[in-house]
PDB file of N, CA and C in Angstrom:
ATOM      1  N   MET A   1      17.279 -14.277   5.254  1.00  0.00           N
ATOM      2  CA  MET A   1      16.448 -15.183   6.048  1.00  0.00           C
ATOM      3  C   MET A   1      14.979 -14.755   5.928  1.00  0.00           C
ATOM      4  N   PRO A   2      14.094 -15.659   5.537  1.00  0.00           N
ATOM      5  CA  PRO A   2      12.682 -15.285   5.355  1.00  0.00           C
ATOM      6  C   PRO A   2      11.988 -15.012   6.688  1.00  0.00           C
ATOM      7  N   ASP A   3      11.012 -14.105   6.628  1.00  0.00           N
ATOM      8  CA  ASP A   3      10.241 -13.749   7.826  1.00  0.00           C
ATOM      9  C   ASP A   3       9.182 -14.819   8.081  1.00  0.00           C
ATOM     10  N   THR A   4       9.300 -15.528   9.183  1.00  0.00           N
ATOM     11  CA  THR A   4       8.325 -16.566   9.519  1.00  0.00           C
ATOM     12  C   THR A   4       7.429 -16.151  10.669  1.00  0.00           C
ATOM     13  N   GLN A   5       7.619 -14.948  11.173  1.00  0.00           N
ATOM     14  CA  GLN A   5       6.826 -14.443  12.300  1.00  0.00           C
ATOM     15  C   GLN A   5       5.483 -13.892  11.810  1.00  0.00           C
ATOM     16  N   TYR A   6       4.438 -14.227  12.538  1.00  0.00           N
ATOM     17  CA  TYR A   6       3.106 -13.685  12.246  1.00  0.00           C
ATOM     18  C   TYR A   6       2.757 -12.596  13.244  1.00  0.00           C
ATOM     19  N   TYR A   7       1.941 -11.673  12.781  1.00  0.00           N
ATOM     20  CA  TYR A   7       1.507 -10.556  13.608  1.00  0.00           C
ATOM     21  C   TYR A   7      -0.003 -10.431  13.565  1.00  0.00           C
ATOM     22  N   SER A   8      -0.534  -9.836  14.621  1.00  0.00           N
ATOM     23  CA  SER A   8      -1.943  -9.477  14.699  1.00  0.00           C
ATOM     24  C   SER A   8      -2.011  -7.954  14.669  1.00  0.00           C
ATOM     25  N   LEU A   9      -2.946  -7.434  13.900  1.00  0.00           N
ATOM     26  CA  LEU A   9      -3.148  -5.997  13.796  1.00  0.00           C
ATOM     27  C   LEU A   9      -4.616  -5.706  14.057  1.00  0.00           C
ATOM     28  N   HIS A  10      -4.892  -4.993  15.145  1.00  0.00           N
ATOM     29  CA  HIS A  10      -6.266  -4.645  15.527  1.00  0.00           C
ATOM     30  C   HIS A  10      -6.464  -3.170  15.204  1.00  0.00           C
ATOM     31  N   LEU A  11      -7.494  -2.874  14.403  1.00  0.00           N
ATOM     32  CA  LEU A  11      -7.729  -1.502  13.947  1.00  0.00           C
ATOM     33  C   LEU A  11      -9.130  -1.026  14.282  1.00  0.00           C
ATOM     34  N   TYR A  12      -9.225   0.252  14.611  1.00  0.00           N
ATOM     35  CA  TYR A  12     -10.502   0.958  14.692  1.00  0.00           C
ATOM     36  C   TYR A  12     -10.402   2.110  13.703  1.00  0.00           C
ATOM     37  N   VAL A  13     -11.267   2.090  12.700  1.00  0.00           N
ATOM     38  CA  VAL A  13     -11.226   3.080  11.630  1.00  0.00           C
ATOM     39  C   VAL A  13     -12.448   3.980  11.766  1.00  0.00           C
ATOM     40  N   SER A  14     -12.208   5.297  11.809  1.00  0.00           N
ATOM     41  CA  SER A  14     -13.328   6.231  11.946  1.00  0.00           C
ATOM     42  C   SER A  14     -13.338   7.228  10.797  1.00  0.00           C
ATOM     43  N   GLY A  15     -14.481   7.879  10.647  1.00  0.00           N
ATOM     44  CA  GLY A  15     -14.725   8.808   9.553  1.00  0.00           C
ATOM     45  C   GLY A  15     -16.003   8.382   8.851  1.00  0.00           C
ATOM     46  N   ARG A  16     -16.077   8.620   7.549  1.00  0.00           N
ATOM     47  CA  ARG A  16     -17.227   8.125   6.787  1.00  0.00           C
ATOM     48  C   ARG A  16     -16.833   6.748   6.261  1.00  0.00           C
ATOM     49  N   VAL A  17     -17.047   5.723   7.094  1.00  0.00           N
ATOM     50  CA  VAL A  17     -16.574   4.377   6.785  1.00  0.00           C
ATOM     51  C   VAL A  17     -17.676   3.322   6.814  1.00  0.00           C
ATOM     52  N   GLN A  18     -18.895   3.733   7.069  1.00  0.00           N
ATOM     53  CA  GLN A  18     -20.016   2.796   7.002  1.00  0.00           C
ATOM     54  C   GLN A  18     -20.933   3.191   5.852  1.00  0.00           C
ATOM     55  N   MET A  19     -21.542   2.172   5.231  1.00  0.00           N
ATOM     56  CA  MET A  19     -22.457   2.343   4.098  1.00  0.00           C
ATOM     57  C   MET A  19     -21.737   2.902   2.862  1.00  0.00           C
ATOM     58  N   VAL A  20     -20.441   2.619   2.758  1.00  0.00           N
ATOM     59  CA  VAL A  20     -19.649   3.061   1.607  1.00  0.00           C
ATOM     60  C   VAL A  20     -18.834   1.899   1.017  1.00  0.00           C
ATOM     61  N   GLY A  21     -19.131   0.659   1.423  1.00  0.00           N
ATOM     62  CA  GLY A  21     -18.416  -0.506   0.912  1.00  0.00           C
ATOM     63  C   GLY A  21     -17.075  -0.762   1.573  1.00  0.00           C
ATOM     64  N   PHE A  22     -16.877  -0.174   2.750  1.00  0.00           N
ATOM     65  CA  PHE A  22     -15.572  -0.277   3.411  1.00  0.00           C
ATOM     66  C   PHE A  22     -15.227  -1.710   3.806  1.00  0.00           C
ATOM     67  N   ARG A  23     -16.191  -2.459   4.325  1.00  0.00           N
ATOM     68  CA  ARG A  23     -15.899  -3.831   4.762  1.00  0.00           C
ATOM     69  C   ARG A  23     -15.468  -4.704   3.586  1.00  0.00           C
ATOM     70  N   TYR A  24     -16.128  -4.531   2.440  1.00  0.00           N
ATOM     71  CA  TYR A  24     -15.780  -5.339   1.272  1.00  0.00           C
ATOM     72  C   TYR A  24     -14.456  -4.883   0.662  1.00  0.00           C
ATOM     73  N   PHE A  25     -14.170  -3.609   0.771  1.00  0.00           N
ATOM     74  CA  PHE A  25     -12.866  -3.063   0.378  1.00  0.00           C
ATOM     75  C   PHE A  25     -11.775  -3.728   1.222  1.00  0.00           C
ATOM     76  N   ALA A  26     -11.988  -3.796   2.543  1.00  0.00           N
ATOM     77  CA  ALA A  26     -11.009  -4.421   3.444  1.00  0.00           C
ATOM     78  C   ALA A  26     -10.825  -5.896   3.103  1.00  0.00           C
ATOM     79  N   ALA A  27     -11.922  -6.596   2.798  1.00  0.00           N
ATOM     80  CA  ALA A  27     -11.836  -8.020   2.447  1.00  0.00           C
ATOM     81  C   ALA A  27     -11.039  -8.210   1.160  1.00  0.00           C
ATOM     82  N   SER A  28     -11.222  -7.334   0.203  1.00  0.00           N
ATOM     83  CA  SER A  28     -10.482  -7.406  -1.053  1.00  0.00           C
ATOM     84  C   SER A  28      -8.990  -7.173  -0.816  1.00  0.00           C
ATOM     85  N   LEU A  29      -8.659  -6.198   0.020  1.00  0.00           N
ATOM     86  CA  LEU A  29      -7.257  -5.942   0.361  1.00  0.00           C
ATOM     87  C   LEU A  29      -6.639  -7.142   1.072  1.00  0.00           C
ATOM     88  N   ALA A  30      -7.392  -7.732   1.992  1.00  0.00           N
ATOM     89  CA  ALA A  30      -6.888  -8.876   2.749  1.00  0.00           C
ATOM     90  C   ALA A  30      -6.502 -10.009   1.802  1.00  0.00           C
ATOM     91  N   LYS A  31      -7.348 -10.261   0.827  1.00  0.00           N
ATOM     92  CA  LYS A  31      -7.052 -11.319  -0.150  1.00  0.00           C
ATOM     93  C   LYS A  31      -5.789 -10.964  -0.934  1.00  0.00           C
ATOM     94  N   ARG A  32      -5.661  -9.721  -1.343  1.00  0.00           N
ATOM     95  CA  ARG A  32      -4.502  -9.269  -2.124  1.00  0.00           C
ATOM     96  C   ARG A  32      -3.200  -9.447  -1.342  1.00  0.00           C
ATOM     97  N   TYR A  33      -3.226  -9.165  -0.037  1.00  0.00           N
ATOM     98  CA  TYR A  33      -2.000  -9.156   0.762  1.00  0.00           C
ATOM     99  C   TYR A  33      -1.805 -10.402   1.634  1.00  0.00           C
ATOM    100  N   GLY A  34      -2.636 -11.417   1.476  1.00  0.00           N
ATOM    101  CA  GLY A  34      -2.478 -12.649   2.248  1.00  0.00           C
ATOM    102  C   GLY A  34      -2.791 -12.492   3.721  1.00  0.00           C
ATOM    103  N   VAL A  35      -3.754 -11.621   4.023  1.00  0.00           N
ATOM    104  CA  VAL A  35      -4.139 -11.321   5.402  1.00  0.00           C
ATOM    105  C   VAL A  35      -5.416 -12.088   5.743  1.00  0.00           C
ATOM    106  N   THR A  36      -5.480 -12.638   6.944  1.00  0.00           N
ATOM    107  CA  THR A  36      -6.699 -13.278   7.429  1.00  0.00           C
ATOM    108  C   THR A  36      -7.272 -12.444   8.576  1.00  0.00           C
ATOM    109  N   GLY A  37      -8.523 -12.712   8.955  1.00  0.00           N
ATOM    110  CA  GLY A  37      -9.134 -11.992  10.065  1.00  0.00           C
ATOM    111  C   GLY A  37     -10.594 -11.714   9.814  1.00  0.00           C
ATOM    112  N   ARG A  38     -11.046 -10.534  10.272  1.00  0.00           N
ATOM    113  CA  ARG A  38     -12.453 -10.162  10.100  1.00  0.00           C
ATOM    114  C   ARG A  38     -12.594  -8.653  10.158  1.00  0.00           C
ATOM    115  N   VAL A  39     -13.704  -8.181   9.606  1.00  0.00           N
ATOM    116  CA  VAL A  39     -14.035  -6.758   9.649  1.00  0.00           C
ATOM    117  C   VAL A  39     -15.510  -6.636   9.996  1.00  0.00           C
ATOM    118  N   LYS A  40     -15.866  -5.632  10.807  1.00  0.00           N
ATOM    119  CA  LYS A  40     -17.276  -5.428  11.127  1.00  0.00           C
ATOM    120  C   LYS A  40     -17.549  -3.966  11.444  1.00  0.00           C
ATOM    121  N   ASN A  41     -18.783  -3.561  11.222  1.00  0.00           N
ATOM    122  CA  ASN A  41     -19.233  -2.225  11.600  1.00  0.00           C
ATOM    123  C   ASN A  41     -19.518  -2.212  13.099  1.00  0.00           C
ATOM    124  N   LEU A  42     -19.234  -1.099  13.736  1.00  0.00           N
ATOM    125  CA  LEU A  42     -19.568  -0.907  15.145  1.00  0.00           C
ATOM    126  C   LEU A  42     -20.746   0.060  15.251  1.00  0.00           C
ATOM    127  N   TYR A  43     -21.460  -0.018  16.343  1.00  0.00           N
ATOM    128  CA  TYR A  43     -22.645   0.821  16.539  1.00  0.00           C
ATOM    129  C   TYR A  43     -22.315   2.312  16.605  1.00  0.00           C
ATOM    130  N   ASP A  44     -21.077   2.643  16.946  1.00  0.00           N
ATOM    131  CA  ASP A  44     -20.708   4.059  17.067  1.00  0.00           C
ATOM    132  C   ASP A  44     -20.241   4.677  15.745  1.00  0.00           C
ATOM    133  N   GLY A  45     -20.358   3.934  14.645  1.00  0.00           N
ATOM    134  CA  GLY A  45     -20.001   4.468  13.334  1.00  0.00           C
ATOM    135  C   GLY A  45     -18.607   4.098  12.858  1.00  0.00           C
ATOM    136  N   ARG A  46     -17.807   3.493  13.720  1.00  0.00           N
ATOM    137  CA  ARG A  46     -16.469   3.060  13.318  1.00  0.00           C
ATOM    138  C   ARG A  46     -16.530   1.672  12.681  1.00  0.00           C
ATOM    139  N   VAL A  47     -15.420   1.283  12.077  1.00  0.00           N
ATOM    140  CA  VAL A  47     -15.232  -0.077  11.572  1.00  0.00           C
ATOM    141  C   VAL A  47     -14.095  -0.693  12.372  1.00  0.00           C
ATOM    142  N   GLU A  48     -14.284  -1.931  12.819  1.00  0.00           N
ATOM    143  CA  GLU A  48     -13.257  -2.662  13.554  1.00  0.00           C
ATOM    144  C   GLU A  48     -12.691  -3.747  12.653  1.00  0.00           C
ATOM    145  N   ILE A  49     -11.373  -3.863  12.637  1.00  0.00           N
ATOM    146  CA  ILE A  49     -10.696  -4.883  11.835  1.00  0.00           C
ATOM    147  C   ILE A  49      -9.725  -5.645  12.718  1.00  0.00           C
ATOM    148  N   GLU A  50      -9.814  -6.964  12.668  1.00  0.00           N
ATOM    149  CA  GLU A  50      -8.802  -7.833  13.266  1.00  0.00           C
ATOM    150  C   GLU A  50      -8.120  -8.519  12.098  1.00  0.00           C
ATOM    151  N   ALA A  51      -6.820  -8.299  11.951  1.00  0.00           N
ATOM    152  CA  ALA A  51      -6.085  -8.845  10.819  1.00  0.00           C
ATOM    153  C   ALA A  51      -4.848  -9.582  11.312  1.00  0.00           C
ATOM    154  N   GLU A  52      -4.498 -10.657  10.608  1.00  0.00           N
ATOM    155  CA  GLU A  52      -3.321 -11.446  10.956  1.00  0.00           C
ATOM    156  C   GLU A  52      -2.545 -11.771   9.686  1.00  0.00           C
ATOM    157  N   GLY A  53      -1.231 -11.840   9.826  1.00  0.00           N
ATOM    158  CA  GLY A  53      -0.403 -12.205   8.687  1.00  0.00           C
ATOM    159  C   GLY A  53       1.040 -11.821   8.917  1.00  0.00           C
ATOM    160  N   LYS A  54       1.803 -11.834   7.833  1.00  0.00           N
ATOM    161  CA  LYS A  54       3.202 -11.417   7.867  1.00  0.00           C
ATOM    162  C   LYS A  54       3.256  -9.895   7.944  1.00  0.00           C
ATOM    163  N   LYS A  55       4.322  -9.377   8.520  1.00  0.00           N
ATOM    164  CA  LYS A  55       4.423  -7.936   8.734  1.00  0.00           C
ATOM    165  C   LYS A  55       4.340  -7.146   7.429  1.00  0.00           C
ATOM    166  N   ALA A  56       4.982  -7.619   6.379  1.00  0.00           N
ATOM    167  CA  ALA A  56       4.972  -6.891   5.108  1.00  0.00           C
ATOM    168  C   ALA A  56       3.552  -6.784   4.549  1.00  0.00           C
ATOM    169  N   GLY A  57       2.811  -7.892   4.563  1.00  0.00           N
ATOM    170  CA  GLY A  57       1.440  -7.886   4.063  1.00  0.00           C
ATOM    171  C   GLY A  57       0.532  -6.999   4.897  1.00  0.00           C
ATOM    172  N   LEU A  58       0.689  -7.061   6.212  1.00  0.00           N
ATOM    173  CA  LEU A  58      -0.125  -6.225   7.094  1.00  0.00           C
ATOM    174  C   LEU A  58       0.200  -4.746   6.929  1.00  0.00           C
ATOM    175  N   THR A  59       1.461  -4.436   6.693  1.00  0.00           N
ATOM    176  CA  THR A  59       1.858  -3.042   6.499  1.00  0.00           C
ATOM    177  C   THR A  59       1.217  -2.467   5.238  1.00  0.00           C
ATOM    178  N   MET A  60       1.228  -3.228   4.152  1.00  0.00           N
ATOM    179  CA  MET A  60       0.595  -2.765   2.910  1.00  0.00           C
ATOM    180  C   MET A  60      -0.921  -2.671   3.078  1.00  0.00           C
ATOM    181  N   PHE A  61      -1.510  -3.650   3.784  1.00  0.00           N
ATOM    182  CA  PHE A  61      -2.936  -3.646   4.082  1.00  0.00           C
ATOM    183  C   PHE A  61      -3.297  -2.365   4.834  1.00  0.00           C
ATOM    184  N   LEU A  62      -2.535  -2.036   5.872  1.00  0.00           N
ATOM    185  CA  LEU A  62      -2.789  -0.849   6.681  1.00  0.00           C
ATOM    186  C   LEU A  62      -2.665   0.433   5.856  1.00  0.00           C
ATOM    187  N   GLU A  63      -1.658   0.511   4.996  1.00  0.00           N
ATOM    188  CA  GLU A  63      -1.500   1.694   4.153  1.00  0.00           C
ATOM    189  C   GLU A  63      -2.737   1.947   3.298  1.00  0.00           C
ATOM    190  N   ASP A  64      -3.280   0.878   2.715  1.00  0.00           N
ATOM    191  CA  ASP A  64      -4.468   1.022   1.866  1.00  0.00           C
ATOM    192  C   ASP A  64      -5.729   1.278   2.695  1.00  0.00           C
ATOM    193  N   ILE A  65      -5.811   0.719   3.894  1.00  0.00           N
ATOM    194  CA  ILE A  65      -6.950   0.985   4.785  1.00  0.00           C
ATOM    195  C   ILE A  65      -6.972   2.467   5.138  1.00  0.00           C
ATOM    196  N   ARG A  66      -5.822   3.063   5.365  1.00  0.00           N
ATOM    197  CA  ARG A  66      -5.745   4.495   5.699  1.00  0.00           C
ATOM    198  C   ARG A  66      -6.298   5.371   4.576  1.00  0.00           C
ATOM    199  N   ILE A  67      -6.228   4.900   3.349  1.00  0.00           N
ATOM    200  CA  ILE A  67      -6.770   5.630   2.203  1.00  0.00           C
ATOM    201  C   ILE A  67      -8.271   5.337   2.060  1.00  0.00           C
ATOM    202  N   GLY A  68      -8.639   4.063   2.161  1.00  0.00           N
ATOM    203  CA  GLY A  68     -10.037   3.662   2.059  1.00  0.00           C
ATOM    204  C   GLY A  68     -10.523   3.624   0.622  1.00  0.00           C
ATOM    205  N   PRO A  69     -11.745   3.125   0.428  1.00  0.00           N
ATOM    206  CA  PRO A  69     -12.328   3.133  -0.911  1.00  0.00           C
ATOM    207  C   PRO A  69     -12.681   4.568  -1.318  1.00  0.00           C
ATOM    208  N   ARG A  70     -12.913   4.768  -2.588  1.00  0.00           N
ATOM    209  CA  ARG A  70     -13.179   6.108  -3.124  1.00  0.00           C
ATOM    210  C   ARG A  70     -14.340   6.814  -2.424  1.00  0.00           C
ATOM    211  N   SER A  71     -15.374   6.057  -2.050  1.00  0.00           N
ATOM    212  CA  SER A  71     -16.580   6.648  -1.461  1.00  0.00           C
ATOM    213  C   SER A  71     -16.451   6.943   0.038  1.00  0.00           C
ATOM    214  N   ALA A  72     -15.352   6.506   0.642  1.00  0.00           N
ATOM    215  CA  ALA A  72     -15.157   6.701   2.089  1.00  0.00           C
ATOM    216  C   ALA A  72     -14.294   7.929   2.358  1.00  0.00           C
ATOM    217  N   ARG A  73     -14.270   8.315   3.635  1.00  0.00           N
ATOM    218  CA  ARG A  73     -13.364   9.356   4.104  1.00  0.00           C
ATOM    219  C   ARG A  73     -12.801   8.892   5.451  1.00  0.00           C
ATOM    220  N   VAL A  74     -11.612   8.356   5.415  1.00  0.00           N
ATOM    221  CA  VAL A  74     -10.977   7.866   6.637  1.00  0.00           C
ATOM    222  C   VAL A  74     -10.377   9.060   7.371  1.00  0.00           C
ATOM    223  N   GLU A  75     -10.826   9.268   8.616  1.00  0.00           N
ATOM    224  CA  GLU A  75     -10.326  10.384   9.420  1.00  0.00           C
ATOM    225  C   GLU A  75      -9.288   9.951  10.444  1.00  0.00           C
ATOM    226  N   ASN A  76      -9.424   8.725  10.953  1.00  0.00           N
ATOM    227  CA  ASN A  76      -8.505   8.267  11.988  1.00  0.00           C
ATOM    228  C   ASN A  76      -8.437   6.742  11.972  1.00  0.00           C
ATOM    229  N   VAL A  77      -7.242   6.225  12.230  1.00  0.00           N
ATOM    230  CA  VAL A  77      -7.046   4.780  12.377  1.00  0.00           C
ATOM    231  C   VAL A  77      -6.251   4.554  13.654  1.00  0.00           C
ATOM    232  N   VAL A  78      -6.856   3.843  14.597  1.00  0.00           N
ATOM    233  CA  VAL A  78      -6.169   3.456  15.827  1.00  0.00           C
ATOM    234  C   VAL A  78      -5.681   2.027  15.616  1.00  0.00           C
ATOM    235  N   GLU A  79      -4.382   1.820  15.779  1.00  0.00           N
ATOM    236  CA  GLU A  79      -3.804   0.507  15.483  1.00  0.00           C
ATOM    237  C   GLU A  79      -3.087  -0.072  16.687  1.00  0.00           C
ATOM    238  N   GLN A  80      -3.168  -1.394  16.797  1.00  0.00           N
ATOM    239  CA  GLN A  80      -2.457  -2.116  17.853  1.00  0.00           C
ATOM    240  C   GLN A  80      -1.839  -3.363  17.234  1.00  0.00           C
ATOM    241  N   TRP A  81      -0.509  -3.439  17.257  1.00  0.00           N
ATOM    242  CA  TRP A  81       0.242  -4.568  16.714  1.00  0.00           C
ATOM    243  C   TRP A  81       0.613  -5.524  17.832  1.00  0.00           C
ATOM    244  N   GLN A  82       0.683  -6.814  17.488  1.00  0.00           N
ATOM    245  CA  GLN A  82       1.121  -7.814  18.457  1.00  0.00           C
ATOM    246  C   GLN A  82       1.725  -8.996  17.706  1.00  0.00           C
ATOM    247  N   GLU A  83       2.856  -9.499  18.190  1.00  0.00           N
ATOM    248  CA  GLU A  83       3.417 -10.738  17.633  1.00  0.00           C
ATOM    249  C   GLU A  83       2.561 -11.894  18.114  1.00  0.00           C
ATOM    250  N   ILE A  84       2.320 -12.850  17.221  1.00  0.00           N
ATOM    251  CA  ILE A  84       1.525 -14.026  17.602  1.00  0.00           C
ATOM    252  C   ILE A  84       2.283 -15.285  17.187  1.00  0.00           C
ATOM    253  N   SER A  85       2.039 -16.366  17.918  1.00  0.00           N
ATOM    254  CA  SER A  85       2.733 -17.625  17.623  1.00  0.00           C
ATOM    255  C   SER A  85       1.984 -18.447  16.579  1.00  0.00           C
ATOM    256  N   SER A  86       0.675 -18.242  16.476  1.00  0.00           N
ATOM    257  CA  SER A  86      -0.103 -18.940  15.448  1.00  0.00           C
ATOM    258  C   SER A  86      -1.318 -18.095  15.085  1.00  0.00           C
ATOM    259  N   ARG A  87      -1.837 -18.341  13.900  1.00  0.00           N
ATOM    260  CA  ARG A  87      -2.974 -17.569  13.412  1.00  0.00           C
ATOM    261  C   ARG A  87      -4.277 -18.157  13.939  1.00  0.00           C
ATOM    262  N   ARG A  88      -5.202 -17.279  14.312  1.00  0.00           N
ATOM    263  CA  ARG A  88      -6.536 -17.712  14.747  1.00  0.00           C
ATOM    264  C   ARG A  88      -7.486 -17.862  13.575  1.00  0.00           C
ATOM    265  N   TYR A  89      -7.275 -17.082  12.530  1.00  0.00           N
ATOM    266  CA  TYR A  89      -8.187 -17.047  11.383  1.00  0.00           C
ATOM    267  C   TYR A  89      -7.598 -17.771  10.189  1.00  0.00           C
ATOM    268  N   GLN A  90      -8.438 -18.500   9.463  1.00  0.00           N
ATOM    269  CA  GLN A  90      -8.007 -19.204   8.253  1.00  0.00           C
ATOM    270  C   GLN A  90      -8.312 -18.394   6.993  1.00  0.00           C
ATOM    271  N   GLU A  91      -9.234 -17.455   7.109  1.00  0.00           N
ATOM    272  CA  GLU A  91      -9.633 -16.611   5.977  1.00  0.00           C
ATOM    273  C   GLU A  91     -10.019 -15.242   6.507  1.00  0.00           C
ATOM    274  N   PHE A  92     -10.483 -14.367   5.629  1.00  0.00           N
ATOM    275  CA  PHE A  92     -10.907 -13.038   6.055  1.00  0.00           C
ATOM    276  C   PHE A  92     -12.418 -12.940   5.871  1.00  0.00           C
ATOM    277  N   GLY A  93     -13.135 -12.665   6.959  1.00  0.00           N
ATOM    278  CA  GLY A  93     -14.587 -12.622   6.915  1.00  0.00           C
ATOM    279  C   GLY A  93     -15.169 -11.232   7.157  1.00  0.00           C
ATOM    280  N   VAL A  94     -16.351 -11.030   6.621  1.00  0.00           N
ATOM    281  CA  VAL A  94     -17.099  -9.782   6.807  1.00  0.00           C
ATOM    282  C   VAL A  94     -18.239 -10.085   7.765  1.00  0.00           C
ATOM    283  N   SER A  95     -18.274  -9.404   8.910  1.00  0.00           N
ATOM    284  CA  SER A  95     -19.342  -9.578   9.895  1.00  0.00           C
ATOM    285  C   SER A  95     -20.365  -8.479   9.742  1.00  0.00           C
ATOM    286  N   PHE A  96     -21.565  -8.779  10.170  1.00  0.00           N
ATOM    287  CA  PHE A  96     -22.662  -7.794  10.061  1.00  0.00           C
ATOM    288  C   PHE A  96     -23.157  -7.385  11.422  1.00  0.00           C
TER     289      PHE A  96
END
């Protein structure tokens, strides 16, 4: 039986994650895994990601986010999963 349930994944990523192309890395991963949502830098140096999609795609997205792009150093990822009945985002955007 195919998985028709959508999930929301809210992430706070800390470490050396700003000014290293992290947001564009996340956008590229989102496209690869069929994830929608947004990513933005926070004033405290973290990156915030709101992602939506199927559990398998979000799981692979999260695994790659934990590694980060070559120029980054991910030290911590705080994650919050939630089942959702419909998606809020149609695409994945980069906020400034």
